[in-house]
Amino acid sequence: MAVKITSADKWFSKCIRERAGWQCEHCETQYPENSAGLQCSHFHGRGNYAVRFDPDNAFAHCTSCHYFLEGNPHEFTRWVRIQLGDGAYDILLEKKGHMDNARFARRDVKQKHKSEISRHYREQYRDMQAQRADGNSGRLVFVGYF
């Protein structure tokens, strides 16, 4: 069953891709802004609401790399551990079990236009665009909702 893309998903995905400067974080191919060829790739699937909107759980991957990593979980795990480092990787595993965050996120995304998560990531995206306009390049940092 496909997971519905909510407004919160849309803005979170834009943040992930903007953070990477619209470049695949695996193969380093550059994409134009808002390109459909660059996707928000979740390490722990989007069905896990506890980390669905966690910046450490998502990466900008081109379609090819996304499918490759999704189909090779041992390689994806190795790659994520390198990207995050062992400490942040272990914290992400702990966050995966936070049921209070999962319950809140599930309820919040049903609010559509009143979604706090959506509003938060829309603001983060606008802040990152302002940083780019000020000349900041490379991988940006943004604040996760939880």
Protein backbone atom coordinates (compact mmCIF):
# COMPACT_ATOMS: atom_id res chain seq x y z
CA MET A 1 0.00 0.00 0.00
CA ALA A 2 1.38 3.40 -0.97
CA VAL A 3 1.86 5.98 1.78
CA LYS A 4 -0.04 9.21 1.12
CA ILE A 5 2.13 12.30 0.59
CA THR A 6 0.95 15.01 2.97
CA SER A 7 1.82 18.70 3.10
CA ALA A 8 4.31 17.86 5.87
CA ASP A 9 5.94 15.25 3.60
CA LYS A 10 6.20 17.80 0.78
CA TRP A 11 7.94 20.45 2.87
CA PHE A 12 10.16 17.94 4.68
CA SER A 13 11.25 16.51 1.31
CA LYS A 14 12.07 19.99 0.02
CA CYS A 15 14.21 20.58 3.12
CA ILE A 16 16.11 17.32 2.60
CA ARG A 17 16.83 18.11 -1.05
CA GLU A 18 17.71 21.76 -0.35
CA ARG A 19 20.01 20.69 2.50
CA ALA A 20 21.98 18.66 -0.07
CA GLY A 21 22.04 21.53 -2.56
CA TRP A 22 19.93 19.46 -4.99
CA GLN A 23 22.72 16.91 -5.33
CA CYS A 24 22.39 13.15 -4.84
CA GLU A 25 24.17 12.38 -1.60
CA HIS A 26 25.19 8.94 -2.87
CA CYS A 27 26.46 9.41 -6.46
CA GLU A 28 26.86 13.23 -6.23
CA THR A 29 24.91 13.94 -9.44
CA GLN A 30 23.63 17.54 -9.46
CA TYR A 31 19.95 18.20 -10.23
CA PRO A 32 18.05 21.41 -10.96
CA GLU A 33 15.95 22.73 -8.09
CA ASN A 34 12.59 20.94 -7.76
CA SER A 35 13.72 18.17 -10.14
CA ALA A 36 11.65 14.98 -9.96
CA GLY A 37 14.91 13.05 -10.47
CA LEU A 38 16.03 13.81 -6.90
CA GLN A 39 13.98 12.20 -4.14
CA CYS A 40 13.72 12.22 -0.38
CA SER A 41 14.96 8.75 0.59
CA HIS A 42 14.08 7.48 4.08
CA PHE A 43 16.40 5.01 5.81
CA HIS A 44 13.60 3.80 8.10
CA GLY A 45 10.54 3.79 5.85
CA ARG A 46 7.98 6.59 5.80
CA GLY A 47 5.51 4.27 7.51
CA ASN A 48 7.50 4.70 10.75
CA TYR A 49 6.02 8.00 11.95
CA ALA A 50 8.43 8.25 14.89
CA VAL A 51 11.25 9.13 12.45
CA ARG A 52 9.31 9.97 9.27
CA PHE A 53 10.17 13.67 9.71
CA ASP A 54 13.62 13.27 11.28
CA PRO A 55 16.41 14.90 9.22
CA ASP A 56 18.85 12.13 10.23
CA ASN A 57 16.50 9.53 8.73
CA ALA A 58 16.31 11.04 5.24
CA PHE A 59 18.70 11.78 2.40
CA ALA A 60 18.58 13.29 -1.07
CA HIS A 61 19.02 10.44 -3.55
CA CYS A 62 18.51 10.26 -7.28
CA THR A 63 15.97 7.70 -8.44
CA SER A 64 18.69 5.16 -9.31
CA CYS A 65 20.52 5.44 -5.99
CA HIS A 66 17.23 5.41 -4.07
CA TYR A 67 16.18 2.13 -5.68
CA PHE A 68 19.67 0.65 -5.31
CA LEU A 69 19.94 1.47 -1.59
CA GLU A 70 16.36 0.43 -0.87
CA GLY A 71 17.03 -2.92 -2.55
CA ASN A 72 20.34 -3.43 -0.71
CA PRO A 73 19.60 -2.84 2.98
CA HIS A 74 23.05 -3.91 4.18
CA GLU A 75 24.67 -1.39 1.84
CA PHE A 76 22.16 1.30 2.87
CA THR A 77 22.91 0.62 6.56
CA ARG A 78 26.67 0.80 5.95
CA TRP A 79 26.27 4.04 3.99
CA VAL A 80 24.01 5.68 6.63
CA ARG A 81 26.42 4.72 9.44
CA ILE A 82 29.23 6.46 7.53
CA GLN A 83 27.09 9.55 6.87
CA LEU A 84 25.81 9.94 10.43
CA GLY A 85 28.59 8.40 12.48
CA ASP A 86 28.00 5.62 15.00
CA GLY A 87 26.64 7.87 17.77
CA ALA A 88 23.99 9.61 15.65
CA TYR A 89 23.13 6.29 14.01
CA ASP A 90 22.47 4.72 17.44
CA ILE A 91 20.35 7.73 18.48
CA LEU A 92 18.30 7.37 15.29
CA LEU A 93 17.65 3.72 16.16
CA GLU A 94 16.41 4.81 19.61
CA LYS A 95 14.19 7.52 18.12
CA LYS A 96 12.59 4.91 15.86
CA GLY A 97 10.79 3.53 18.92
CA HIS A 98 9.40 6.83 20.26
CA MET A 99 5.69 6.07 20.10
CA ASP A 100 4.64 9.47 21.50
CA ASN A 101 6.29 11.18 18.52
CA ALA A 102 4.68 8.67 16.16
CA ARG A 103 1.20 9.26 17.59
CA PHE A 104 1.62 13.04 17.42
CA ALA A 105 2.91 12.94 13.84
CA ARG A 106 0.04 10.72 12.69
CA ARG A 107 -2.53 13.08 14.19
CA ASP A 108 -0.75 16.21 13.00
CA VAL A 109 -0.47 15.28 9.32
CA LYS A 110 -4.23 14.65 9.20
CA GLN A 111 -4.74 18.33 10.04
CA LYS A 112 -3.69 19.28 6.46
CA HIS A 113 -3.53 23.10 6.47
CA LYS A 114 -3.21 23.26 10.26
CA SER A 115 -0.28 20.84 10.41
CA GLU A 116 2.42 22.09 12.79
CA ILE A 117 4.97 19.79 11.17
CA SER A 118 4.18 21.16 7.71
CA ARG A 119 4.42 24.77 8.94
CA HIS A 120 7.73 24.04 10.68
CA TYR A 121 9.38 22.54 7.58
CA ARG A 122 7.97 25.24 5.30
CA GLU A 123 9.73 27.82 7.51
CA GLN A 124 12.94 25.75 7.59
CA TYR A 125 12.88 25.52 3.78
CA ARG A 126 12.46 29.28 3.43
CA ASP A 127 15.34 29.83 5.87
CA MET A 128 17.58 27.53 3.80
CA GLN A 129 16.62 29.33 0.59
CA ALA A 130 17.61 32.61 2.27
CA GLN A 131 20.95 31.05 3.24
CA ARG A 132 21.51 30.04 -0.40
CA ALA A 133 20.61 33.57 -1.53
CA ASP A 134 23.24 34.87 0.91
CA GLY A 135 25.86 32.72 -0.84
CA ASN A 136 25.94 29.67 1.42
CA SER A 137 26.73 26.54 -0.54
CA GLY A 138 27.24 22.89 0.30
CA ARG A 139 25.22 20.90 2.81
CA LEU A 140 23.06 23.07 5.03
CA VAL A 141 21.76 22.26 8.49
CA PHE A 142 18.11 22.59 9.45
CA VAL A 143 16.18 21.97 12.65
CA GLY A 144 14.03 18.86 12.93
CA TYR A 145 10.53 19.13 14.34
CA PHE A 146 11.04 16.67 17.22
